[in-house]
Amino acid sequence: MPLRQTTGSVVCPSCGKLVGVNDPKCWECGRPYPGMFGYAPLFRRLGRDLGFVQIVTWSCVALFVATLISDTSGIGGGGMLGILSPSRVSLIVFGAAGPGPVLGLGRWWTVLSAGWLHGGLIHILFNVLWIRQLGPQTAAVYGAGRMVIIYVLASVTGFVASSLAVFAPTVLRFVMGGGHPYSITVGASAAIFGLLGALIHYGRRGSSEVGRQAWIYAIVLFAFGLMIRGVDNWAHLGGLAGGWLVSRWLDPMKPERGDHLLLAIALLVASLASVVASYVTGLRLLP
């Protein structure tokens, strides 16, 4: 099968109607170049998420391995949650967020990079499993481009909330944990809660069953986080709120547009740039 289709019809990625592969726009929803210059069938073979779940999975795994080998002397192994945990220095070098890096070191861009790092084997395993479950479901509702936008921006709002938790009242910091001036935070869970927030919002506009299931997941995971020491509940709450707000802006009842995919690609590039910037500026910290 050729990689590029030059004749015939394709399915519009936004509304699902048949259009000509070379049509300048979809006559049903108005999406420009719905045939994606002949590559629409190739992208459709990647699935509803356009392969984003695989990109996240392997990017997180690669960065996890990189944080381990960059400072092997600091690898932790105490307790089940500490199995194969990268050193604190290594996580900071690659882009950990939190009050320490963001406010103390002025590394503001780490609110983008922290969501791609993980603090241990169990940590990354659970997060990847949740991404693989919620990613395709969110893409089926919002489209791949909007799902990526929700994922990245919810991660940012989560780590902004976590970094600013140092200014929260003492009683809230006691209940939620975190908020120490020198603490750091990493993980995809802020983005995962963002996907849940988006599905909760969709439940109010589309399927109530989808929203109800997302609420159950969010409540159970948040309660679990409150019971486990070291879990970044501020990032979870910020990610949930961010996902809900971004999904309101994107409106799941309207078809996905081509510029959504362009914005999604730009956010992925910005995430990569934040990791590179963290590493380049943090190399001096490595032993």
C-alpha atoms as a PDB file:
ATOM      1  CA  MET A   1       0.000   0.000   0.000  1.00  0.00           C
ATOM      2  CA  PRO A   2       1.480   3.407  -0.981  1.00  0.00           C
ATOM      3  CA  LEU A   3       2.246   5.855   1.806  1.00  0.00           C
ATOM      4  CA  ARG A   4       0.468   8.717   0.025  1.00  0.00           C
ATOM      5  CA  GLN A   5      -2.971   8.633  -1.577  1.00  0.00           C
ATOM      6  CA  THR A   6      -3.312  10.969  -4.551  1.00  0.00           C
ATOM      7  CA  THR A   7      -6.814  10.141  -5.822  1.00  0.00           C
ATOM      8  CA  GLY A   8     -10.165   9.064  -4.467  1.00  0.00           C
ATOM      9  CA  SER A   9     -11.915   9.838  -1.198  1.00  0.00           C
ATOM     10  CA  VAL A  10     -10.878   9.856   2.452  1.00  0.00           C
ATOM     11  CA  VAL A  11     -12.661  10.294   5.760  1.00  0.00           C
ATOM     12  CA  CYS A  12     -12.439  13.806   7.241  1.00  0.00           C
ATOM     13  CA  PRO A  13     -10.536  13.573  10.566  1.00  0.00           C
ATOM     14  CA  SER A  14     -12.860  16.164  12.138  1.00  0.00           C
ATOM     15  CA  CYS A  15     -16.407  15.161  11.194  1.00  0.00           C
ATOM     16  CA  GLY A  16     -16.043  11.679   9.676  1.00  0.00           C
ATOM     17  CA  LYS A  17     -17.616  12.579   6.322  1.00  0.00           C
ATOM     18  CA  LEU A  18     -16.220  11.419   3.005  1.00  0.00           C
ATOM     19  CA  VAL A  19     -14.256  14.092   1.129  1.00  0.00           C
ATOM     20  CA  GLY A  20     -11.954  14.144  -1.867  1.00  0.00           C
ATOM     21  CA  VAL A  21      -8.339  13.530  -0.975  1.00  0.00           C
ATOM     22  CA  ASN A  22      -7.341  16.781  -2.703  1.00  0.00           C
ATOM     23  CA  ASP A  23     -10.265  18.939  -1.549  1.00  0.00           C
ATOM     24  CA  PRO A  24      -9.120  22.313  -0.138  1.00  0.00           C
ATOM     25  CA  LYS A  25     -11.630  21.987   2.707  1.00  0.00           C
ATOM     26  CA  CYS A  26     -14.292  19.679   4.094  1.00  0.00           C
ATOM     27  CA  TRP A  27     -17.668  20.823   2.775  1.00  0.00           C
ATOM     28  CA  GLU A  28     -19.377  19.524   5.913  1.00  0.00           C
ATOM     29  CA  CYS A  29     -17.306  21.016   8.766  1.00  0.00           C
ATOM     30  CA  GLY A  30     -14.971  23.407   6.949  1.00  0.00           C
ATOM     31  CA  ARG A  31     -11.688  21.771   8.021  1.00  0.00           C
ATOM     32  CA  PRO A  32      -8.920  22.859   5.625  1.00  0.00           C
ATOM     33  CA  TYR A  33      -7.200  20.098   3.629  1.00  0.00           C
ATOM     34  CA  PRO A  34      -8.975  17.181   5.342  1.00  0.00           C
ATOM     35  CA  GLY A  35      -7.018  14.766   3.155  1.00  0.00           C
ATOM     36  CA  MET A  36      -3.783  15.985   4.826  1.00  0.00           C
ATOM     37  CA  PHE A  37      -2.139  16.217   1.385  1.00  0.00           C
ATOM     38  CA  GLY A  38      -2.744  12.533   0.789  1.00  0.00           C
ATOM     39  CA  TYR A  39      -1.389  11.269   4.126  1.00  0.00           C
ATOM     40  CA  ALA A  40      -4.712  11.045   5.981  1.00  0.00           C
ATOM     41  CA  PRO A  41      -5.003   7.230   5.512  1.00  0.00           C
ATOM     42  CA  LEU A  42      -1.459   6.810   6.861  1.00  0.00           C
ATOM     43  CA  PHE A  43      -2.292   8.824   9.974  1.00  0.00           C
ATOM     44  CA  ARG A  44      -5.540   6.912  10.486  1.00  0.00           C
ATOM     45  CA  ARG A  45      -3.582   3.654  10.629  1.00  0.00           C
ATOM     46  CA  LEU A  46      -1.850   5.041  13.733  1.00  0.00           C
ATOM     47  CA  GLY A  47      -5.189   4.975  15.580  1.00  0.00           C
ATOM     48  CA  ARG A  48      -7.494   7.681  16.909  1.00  0.00           C
ATOM     49  CA  ASP A  49      -4.640   9.096  18.993  1.00  0.00           C
ATOM     50  CA  LEU A  50      -2.291   9.247  15.947  1.00  0.00           C
ATOM     51  CA  GLY A  51       0.301   7.281  17.903  1.00  0.00           C
ATOM     52  CA  PHE A  52       0.522   9.834  20.725  1.00  0.00           C
ATOM     53  CA  VAL A  53       0.191   7.186  23.427  1.00  0.00           C
ATOM     54  CA  GLN A  54       3.213   5.392  22.006  1.00  0.00           C
ATOM     55  CA  ILE A  55       5.143   8.685  21.822  1.00  0.00           C
ATOM     56  CA  VAL A  56       4.426   9.399  25.488  1.00  0.00           C
ATOM     57  CA  THR A  57       5.198   5.863  26.579  1.00  0.00           C
ATOM     58  CA  TRP A  58       8.581   5.587  24.899  1.00  0.00           C
ATOM     59  CA  SER A  59       9.584   9.178  25.655  1.00  0.00           C
ATOM     60  CA  CYS A  60       8.924   8.633  29.359  1.00  0.00           C
ATOM     61  CA  VAL A  61      10.782   5.311  29.324  1.00  0.00           C
ATOM     62  CA  ALA A  62      13.779   6.802  27.487  1.00  0.00           C
ATOM     63  CA  LEU A  63      14.015   9.751  29.884  1.00  0.00           C
ATOM     64  CA  PHE A  64      13.611   7.443  32.874  1.00  0.00           C
ATOM     65  CA  VAL A  65      16.568   5.371  31.700  1.00  0.00           C
ATOM     66  CA  ALA A  66      18.550   8.552  30.996  1.00  0.00           C
ATOM     67  CA  THR A  67      17.972   9.880  34.528  1.00  0.00           C
ATOM     68  CA  LEU A  68      19.114   6.565  35.968  1.00  0.00           C
ATOM     69  CA  ILE A  69      22.361   6.263  34.026  1.00  0.00           C
ATOM     70  CA  SER A  70      23.321   9.941  34.310  1.00  0.00           C
ATOM     71  CA  ASP A  71      23.980   9.509  38.032  1.00  0.00           C
ATOM     72  CA  THR A  72      24.245   5.825  38.890  1.00  0.00           C
ATOM     73  CA  SER A  73      25.663   6.584  42.325  1.00  0.00           C
ATOM     74  CA  GLY A  74      22.346   8.101  43.385  1.00  0.00           C
ATOM     75  CA  ILE A  75      19.983   5.321  42.289  1.00  0.00           C
ATOM     76  CA  GLY A  76      17.615   4.504  45.140  1.00  0.00           C
ATOM     77  CA  GLY A  77      16.215   1.135  46.070  1.00  0.00           C
ATOM     78  CA  GLY A  78      14.635   1.474  49.467  1.00  0.00           C
ATOM     79  CA  GLY A  79      11.101   0.062  49.737  1.00  0.00           C
ATOM     80  CA  MET A  80       8.666  -0.871  46.982  1.00  0.00           C
ATOM     81  CA  LEU A  81       8.067   2.718  45.812  1.00  0.00           C
ATOM     82  CA  GLY A  82      11.791   3.416  45.798  1.00  0.00           C
ATOM     83  CA  ILE A  83      12.760   0.664  43.361  1.00  0.00           C
ATOM     84  CA  LEU A  84      15.089   2.122  40.715  1.00  0.00           C
ATOM     85  CA  SER A  85      14.534   5.743  41.701  1.00  0.00           C
ATOM     86  CA  PRO A  86      16.788   8.326  39.975  1.00  0.00           C
ATOM     87  CA  SER A  87      18.811  10.640  42.179  1.00  0.00           C
ATOM     88  CA  ARG A  88      17.441  14.056  43.121  1.00  0.00           C
ATOM     89  CA  VAL A  89      20.282  15.742  41.251  1.00  0.00           C
ATOM     90  CA  SER A  90      19.595  13.741  38.096  1.00  0.00           C
ATOM     91  CA  LEU A  91      15.890  14.665  38.161  1.00  0.00           C
ATOM     92  CA  ILE A  92      16.706  18.349  38.606  1.00  0.00           C
ATOM     93  CA  VAL A  93      19.186  18.228  35.715  1.00  0.00           C
ATOM     94  CA  PHE A  94      16.605  16.727  33.340  1.00  0.00           C
ATOM     95  CA  GLY A  95      13.826  19.130  34.345  1.00  0.00           C
ATOM     96  CA  ALA A  96      12.070  18.400  37.636  1.00  0.00           C
ATOM     97  CA  ALA A  97       9.671  21.157  38.713  1.00  0.00           C
ATOM     98  CA  GLY A  98       8.476  22.222  42.168  1.00  0.00           C
ATOM     99  CA  PRO A  99       9.222  25.155  44.487  1.00  0.00           C
ATOM    100  CA  GLY A 100      12.936  24.334  44.522  1.00  0.00           C
ATOM    101  CA  PRO A 101      13.685  24.399  40.780  1.00  0.00           C
ATOM    102  CA  VAL A 102      10.992  26.885  39.684  1.00  0.00           C
ATOM    103  CA  LEU A 103      11.185  29.451  42.468  1.00  0.00           C
ATOM    104  CA  GLY A 104      14.573  28.724  44.028  1.00  0.00           C
ATOM    105  CA  LEU A 105      16.622  28.148  40.872  1.00  0.00           C
ATOM    106  CA  GLY A 106      14.485  30.160  38.467  1.00  0.00           C
ATOM    107  CA  ARG A 107      14.007  27.206  36.109  1.00  0.00           C
ATOM    108  CA  TRP A 108      10.449  28.237  35.142  1.00  0.00           C
ATOM    109  CA  TRP A 109      10.371  26.119  31.969  1.00  0.00           C
ATOM    110  CA  THR A 110      10.452  22.913  34.023  1.00  0.00           C
ATOM    111  CA  VAL A 111       6.656  23.061  34.379  1.00  0.00           C
ATOM    112  CA  LEU A 112       6.781  21.667  30.819  1.00  0.00           C
ATOM    113  CA  SER A 113       9.539  19.090  31.270  1.00  0.00           C
ATOM    114  CA  ALA A 114       8.596  17.603  34.660  1.00  0.00           C
ATOM    115  CA  GLY A 115       5.641  15.658  33.272  1.00  0.00           C
ATOM    116  CA  TRP A 116       7.966  13.505  31.175  1.00  0.00           C
ATOM    117  CA  LEU A 117      10.138  12.387  34.111  1.00  0.00           C
ATOM    118  CA  HIS A 118       9.456   9.798  36.801  1.00  0.00           C
ATOM    119  CA  GLY A 119      10.755   9.089  40.260  1.00  0.00           C
ATOM    120  CA  GLY A 120      10.864   5.305  40.223  1.00  0.00           C
ATOM    121  CA  LEU A 121       9.966   2.073  38.443  1.00  0.00           C
ATOM    122  CA  ILE A 122       6.537   1.724  40.109  1.00  0.00           C
ATOM    123  CA  HIS A 123       5.852   5.403  39.436  1.00  0.00           C
ATOM    124  CA  ILE A 124       6.415   5.180  35.695  1.00  0.00           C
ATOM    125  CA  LEU A 125       4.669   1.804  35.402  1.00  0.00           C
ATOM    126  CA  PHE A 126       1.406   3.031  36.915  1.00  0.00           C
ATOM    127  CA  ASN A 127       1.444   6.295  34.973  1.00  0.00           C
ATOM    128  CA  VAL A 128       2.078   4.608  31.633  1.00  0.00           C
ATOM    129  CA  LEU A 129      -0.775   2.177  32.268  1.00  0.00           C
ATOM    130  CA  TRP A 130      -3.160   5.060  32.974  1.00  0.00           C
ATOM    131  CA  ILE A 131      -2.010   6.942  29.877  1.00  0.00           C
ATOM    132  CA  ARG A 132      -2.598   3.889  27.725  1.00  0.00           C
ATOM    133  CA  GLN A 133      -6.115   3.599  29.110  1.00  0.00           C
ATOM    134  CA  LEU A 134      -7.216   7.248  29.107  1.00  0.00           C
ATOM    135  CA  GLY A 135      -5.329   8.539  26.052  1.00  0.00           C
ATOM    136  CA  PRO A 136      -7.273   6.647  23.357  1.00  0.00           C
ATOM    137  CA  GLN A 137     -10.555   7.303  25.187  1.00  0.00           C
ATOM    138  CA  THR A 138      -9.918  11.048  25.272  1.00  0.00           C
ATOM    139  CA  ALA A 139      -8.776  11.055  21.635  1.00  0.00           C
ATOM    140  CA  ALA A 140     -12.003   9.318  20.606  1.00  0.00           C
ATOM    141  CA  VAL A 141     -13.975  12.197  22.139  1.00  0.00           C
ATOM    142  CA  TYR A 142     -11.809  15.236  21.386  1.00  0.00           C
ATOM    143  CA  GLY A 143      -9.566  14.089  18.540  1.00  0.00           C
ATOM    144  CA  ALA A 144      -5.834  13.442  18.703  1.00  0.00           C
ATOM    145  CA  GLY A 145      -4.743  17.084  18.430  1.00  0.00           C
ATOM    146  CA  ARG A 146      -7.014  18.346  21.188  1.00  0.00           C
ATOM    147  CA  MET A 147      -6.114  15.390  23.386  1.00  0.00           C
ATOM    148  CA  VAL A 148      -2.427  16.357  23.150  1.00  0.00           C
ATOM    149  CA  ILE A 149      -3.271  20.000  23.942  1.00  0.00           C
ATOM    150  CA  ILE A 150      -5.213  18.927  27.037  1.00  0.00           C
ATOM    151  CA  TYR A 151      -2.463  16.546  28.108  1.00  0.00           C
ATOM    152  CA  VAL A 152       0.385  19.068  27.883  1.00  0.00           C
ATOM    153  CA  LEU A 153      -1.441  22.137  29.232  1.00  0.00           C
ATOM    154  CA  ALA A 154      -2.955  20.191  32.145  1.00  0.00           C
ATOM    155  CA  SER A 155       0.534  18.992  33.033  1.00  0.00           C
ATOM    156  CA  VAL A 156       1.711  22.616  33.039  1.00  0.00           C
ATOM    157  CA  THR A 157      -1.143  23.804  35.275  1.00  0.00           C
ATOM    158  CA  GLY A 158      -0.481  20.890  37.613  1.00  0.00           C
ATOM    159  CA  PHE A 159       3.180  21.745  38.089  1.00  0.00           C
ATOM    160  CA  VAL A 160       2.448  25.454  38.392  1.00  0.00           C
ATOM    161  CA  ALA A 161       0.051  24.604  41.227  1.00  0.00           C
ATOM    162  CA  SER A 162       2.645  22.341  42.828  1.00  0.00           C
ATOM    163  CA  SER A 163       5.373  24.985  42.563  1.00  0.00           C
ATOM    164  CA  LEU A 164       3.143  27.661  44.115  1.00  0.00           C
ATOM    165  CA  ALA A 165       1.956  25.381  46.932  1.00  0.00           C
ATOM    166  CA  VAL A 166       4.690  26.860  49.109  1.00  0.00           C
ATOM    167  CA  PHE A 167       2.437  29.918  49.496  1.00  0.00           C
ATOM    168  CA  ALA A 168      -0.621  27.891  50.563  1.00  0.00           C
ATOM    169  CA  PRO A 169      -1.911  28.094  54.165  1.00  0.00           C
ATOM    170  CA  THR A 170      -0.210  25.700  56.575  1.00  0.00           C
ATOM    171  CA  VAL A 171      -3.338  23.618  57.133  1.00  0.00           C
ATOM    172  CA  LEU A 172      -3.693  23.000  53.381  1.00  0.00           C
ATOM    173  CA  ARG A 173      -0.046  22.022  53.053  1.00  0.00           C
ATOM    174  CA  PHE A 174      -0.518  19.605  55.950  1.00  0.00           C
ATOM    175  CA  VAL A 175      -3.552  17.957  54.341  1.00  0.00           C
ATOM    176  CA  MET A 176      -2.261  17.951  50.761  1.00  0.00           C
ATOM    177  CA  GLY A 177       1.415  17.398  51.517  1.00  0.00           C
ATOM    178  CA  GLY A 178       4.217  19.142  49.652  1.00  0.00           C
ATOM    179  CA  GLY A 179       4.797  22.854  49.605  1.00  0.00           C
ATOM    180  CA  HIS A 180       8.315  22.650  51.030  1.00  0.00           C
ATOM    181  CA  PRO A 181      10.542  25.428  49.618  1.00  0.00           C
ATOM    182  CA  TYR A 182      13.179  22.944  48.428  1.00  0.00           C
ATOM    183  CA  SER A 183      10.910  20.137  47.180  1.00  0.00           C
ATOM    184  CA  ILE A 184      10.906  18.853  43.597  1.00  0.00           C
ATOM    185  CA  THR A 185       8.213  17.025  41.662  1.00  0.00           C
ATOM    186  CA  VAL A 186       7.955  14.902  38.493  1.00  0.00           C
ATOM    187  CA  GLY A 187       5.530  12.544  36.779  1.00  0.00           C
ATOM    188  CA  ALA A 188       2.764  12.244  34.206  1.00  0.00           C
ATOM    189  CA  SER A 189       0.014  12.073  36.812  1.00  0.00           C
ATOM    190  CA  ALA A 190      -0.825  15.793  36.472  1.00  0.00           C
ATOM    191  CA  ALA A 191      -1.523  15.202  32.774  1.00  0.00           C
ATOM    192  CA  ILE A 192      -3.462  12.026  33.600  1.00  0.00           C
ATOM    193  CA  PHE A 193      -5.718  14.013  35.913  1.00  0.00           C
ATOM    194  CA  GLY A 194      -6.036  16.522  33.082  1.00  0.00           C
ATOM    195  CA  LEU A 195      -7.425  13.806  30.805  1.00  0.00           C
ATOM    196  CA  LEU A 196      -9.871  12.877  33.563  1.00  0.00           C
ATOM    197  CA  GLY A 197     -10.896  16.528  33.872  1.00  0.00           C
ATOM    198  CA  ALA A 198     -11.553  16.649  30.119  1.00  0.00           C
ATOM    199  CA  LEU A 199     -13.667  13.483  30.259  1.00  0.00           C
ATOM    200  CA  ILE A 200     -15.597  14.906  33.232  1.00  0.00           C
ATOM    201  CA  HIS A 201     -16.369  18.019  31.203  1.00  0.00           C
ATOM    202  CA  TYR A 202     -17.438  15.879  28.249  1.00  0.00           C
ATOM    203  CA  GLY A 203     -19.799  14.036  30.597  1.00  0.00           C
ATOM    204  CA  ARG A 204     -21.763  17.262  31.028  1.00  0.00           C
ATOM    205  CA  ARG A 205     -22.069  17.830  27.275  1.00  0.00           C
ATOM    206  CA  GLY A 206     -21.992  14.338  25.801  1.00  0.00           C
ATOM    207  CA  SER A 207     -22.047  10.958  27.529  1.00  0.00           C
ATOM    208  CA  SER A 208     -22.928  11.133  31.227  1.00  0.00           C
ATOM    209  CA  GLU A 209     -21.563   7.603  31.668  1.00  0.00           C
ATOM    210  CA  VAL A 210     -18.112   8.719  30.484  1.00  0.00           C
ATOM    211  CA  GLY A 211     -18.193  11.626  32.924  1.00  0.00           C
ATOM    212  CA  ARG A 212     -19.360   9.458  35.814  1.00  0.00           C
ATOM    213  CA  GLN A 213     -16.593   6.927  35.241  1.00  0.00           C
ATOM    214  CA  ALA A 214     -13.998   9.731  35.041  1.00  0.00           C
ATOM    215  CA  TRP A 215     -15.256  11.179  38.337  1.00  0.00           C
ATOM    216  CA  ILE A 216     -14.877   7.789  40.019  1.00  0.00           C
ATOM    217  CA  TYR A 217     -11.322   7.410  38.723  1.00  0.00           C
ATOM    218  CA  ALA A 218     -10.406  10.944  39.811  1.00  0.00           C
ATOM    219  CA  ILE A 219     -11.826  10.570  43.319  1.00  0.00           C
ATOM    220  CA  VAL A 220     -10.224   7.179  43.914  1.00  0.00           C
ATOM    221  CA  LEU A 221      -6.818   8.285  42.621  1.00  0.00           C
ATOM    222  CA  PHE A 222      -6.904  11.545  44.566  1.00  0.00           C
ATOM    223  CA  ALA A 223      -7.898   9.761  47.785  1.00  0.00           C
ATOM    224  CA  PHE A 224      -5.104   7.251  47.204  1.00  0.00           C
ATOM    225  CA  GLY A 225      -2.654  10.129  46.807  1.00  0.00           C
ATOM    226  CA  LEU A 226      -3.720  11.667  50.103  1.00  0.00           C
ATOM    227  CA  MET A 227      -2.949   8.414  51.888  1.00  0.00           C
ATOM    228  CA  ILE A 228       0.515   7.879  50.395  1.00  0.00           C
ATOM    229  CA  ARG A 229       3.405  10.013  51.565  1.00  0.00           C
ATOM    230  CA  GLY A 230       5.339  11.768  48.832  1.00  0.00           C
ATOM    231  CA  VAL A 231       2.508  11.957  46.278  1.00  0.00           C
ATOM    232  CA  ASP A 232       2.136  15.379  44.646  1.00  0.00           C
ATOM    233  CA  ASN A 233      -1.546  16.060  45.323  1.00  0.00           C
ATOM    234  CA  TRP A 234      -1.148  19.702  44.308  1.00  0.00           C
ATOM    235  CA  ALA A 235      -0.137  18.616  40.798  1.00  0.00           C
ATOM    236  CA  HIS A 236      -3.087  16.219  40.670  1.00  0.00           C
ATOM    237  CA  LEU A 237      -5.568  18.929  41.637  1.00  0.00           C
ATOM    238  CA  GLY A 238      -3.986  21.483  39.303  1.00  0.00           C
ATOM    239  CA  GLY A 239      -3.963  19.001  36.437  1.00  0.00           C
ATOM    240  CA  LEU A 240      -7.629  18.102  36.981  1.00  0.00           C
ATOM    241  CA  ALA A 241      -8.634  21.773  36.981  1.00  0.00           C
ATOM    242  CA  GLY A 242      -6.425  22.504  33.975  1.00  0.00           C
ATOM    243  CA  GLY A 243      -7.847  19.641  31.947  1.00  0.00           C
ATOM    244  CA  TRP A 244     -11.394  20.751  32.696  1.00  0.00           C
ATOM    245  CA  LEU A 245     -10.701  24.389  31.782  1.00  0.00           C
ATOM    246  CA  VAL A 246      -8.819  23.558  28.577  1.00  0.00           C
ATOM    247  CA  SER A 247     -11.598  21.172  27.499  1.00  0.00           C
ATOM    248  CA  ARG A 248     -14.142  23.965  27.976  1.00  0.00           C
ATOM    249  CA  TRP A 249     -12.096  26.131  25.651  1.00  0.00           C
ATOM    250  CA  LEU A 250     -11.736  23.352  23.057  1.00  0.00           C
ATOM    251  CA  ASP A 251     -15.441  22.347  23.253  1.00  0.00           C
ATOM    252  CA  PRO A 252     -15.833  18.610  22.522  1.00  0.00           C
ATOM    253  CA  MET A 253     -19.178  19.248  20.795  1.00  0.00           C
ATOM    254  CA  LYS A 254     -17.411  21.002  17.916  1.00  0.00           C
ATOM    255  CA  PRO A 255     -15.275  19.119  15.361  1.00  0.00           C
ATOM    256  CA  GLU A 256     -11.518  19.206  15.703  1.00  0.00           C
ATOM    257  CA  ARG A 257      -9.744  21.685  13.426  1.00  0.00           C
ATOM    258  CA  GLY A 258      -6.457  21.428  11.578  1.00  0.00           C
ATOM    259  CA  ASP A 259      -4.888  24.170  13.703  1.00  0.00           C
ATOM    260  CA  HIS A 260      -5.508  22.046  16.795  1.00  0.00           C
ATOM    261  CA  LEU A 261      -3.069  19.489  15.414  1.00  0.00           C
ATOM    262  CA  LEU A 262      -0.534  22.220  14.670  1.00  0.00           C
ATOM    263  CA  LEU A 263      -0.807  23.557  18.231  1.00  0.00           C
ATOM    264  CA  ALA A 264      -0.421  20.022  19.570  1.00  0.00           C
ATOM    265  CA  ILE A 265       2.808  19.547  17.596  1.00  0.00           C
ATOM    266  CA  ALA A 266       4.079  22.923  18.832  1.00  0.00           C
ATOM    267  CA  LEU A 267       3.438  21.914  22.448  1.00  0.00           C
ATOM    268  CA  LEU A 268       5.299  18.631  21.972  1.00  0.00           C
ATOM    269  CA  VAL A 269       8.252  20.511  20.470  1.00  0.00           C
ATOM    270  CA  ALA A 270       8.151  22.967  23.397  1.00  0.00           C
ATOM    271  CA  SER A 271       8.188  20.027  25.833  1.00  0.00           C
ATOM    272  CA  LEU A 272      11.243  18.563  24.134  1.00  0.00           C
ATOM    273  CA  ALA A 273      12.936  21.969  24.151  1.00  0.00           C
ATOM    274  CA  SER A 274      12.277  22.307  27.887  1.00  0.00           C
ATOM    275  CA  VAL A 275      13.973  18.977  28.594  1.00  0.00           C
ATOM    276  CA  VAL A 276      16.959  19.961  26.433  1.00  0.00           C
ATOM    277  CA  ALA A 277      17.191  23.379  28.124  1.00  0.00           C
ATOM    278  CA  SER A 278      17.065  21.744  31.553  1.00  0.00           C
ATOM    279  CA  TYR A 279      19.826  19.294  30.670  1.00  0.00           C
ATOM    280  CA  VAL A 280      22.119  21.857  29.037  1.00  0.00           C
ATOM    281  CA  THR A 281      21.796  24.346  31.894  1.00  0.00           C
ATOM    282  CA  GLY A 282      21.962  21.653  34.561  1.00  0.00           C
ATOM    283  CA  LEU A 283      24.993  19.638  33.440  1.00  0.00           C
ATOM    284  CA  ARG A 284      27.199  21.425  35.950  1.00  0.00           C
ATOM    285  CA  LEU A 285      25.137  19.853  38.760  1.00  0.00           C
ATOM    286  CA  LEU A 286      26.068  16.276  37.826  1.00  0.00           C
ATOM    287  CA  PRO A 287      28.896  14.651  39.812  1.00  0.00           C
END
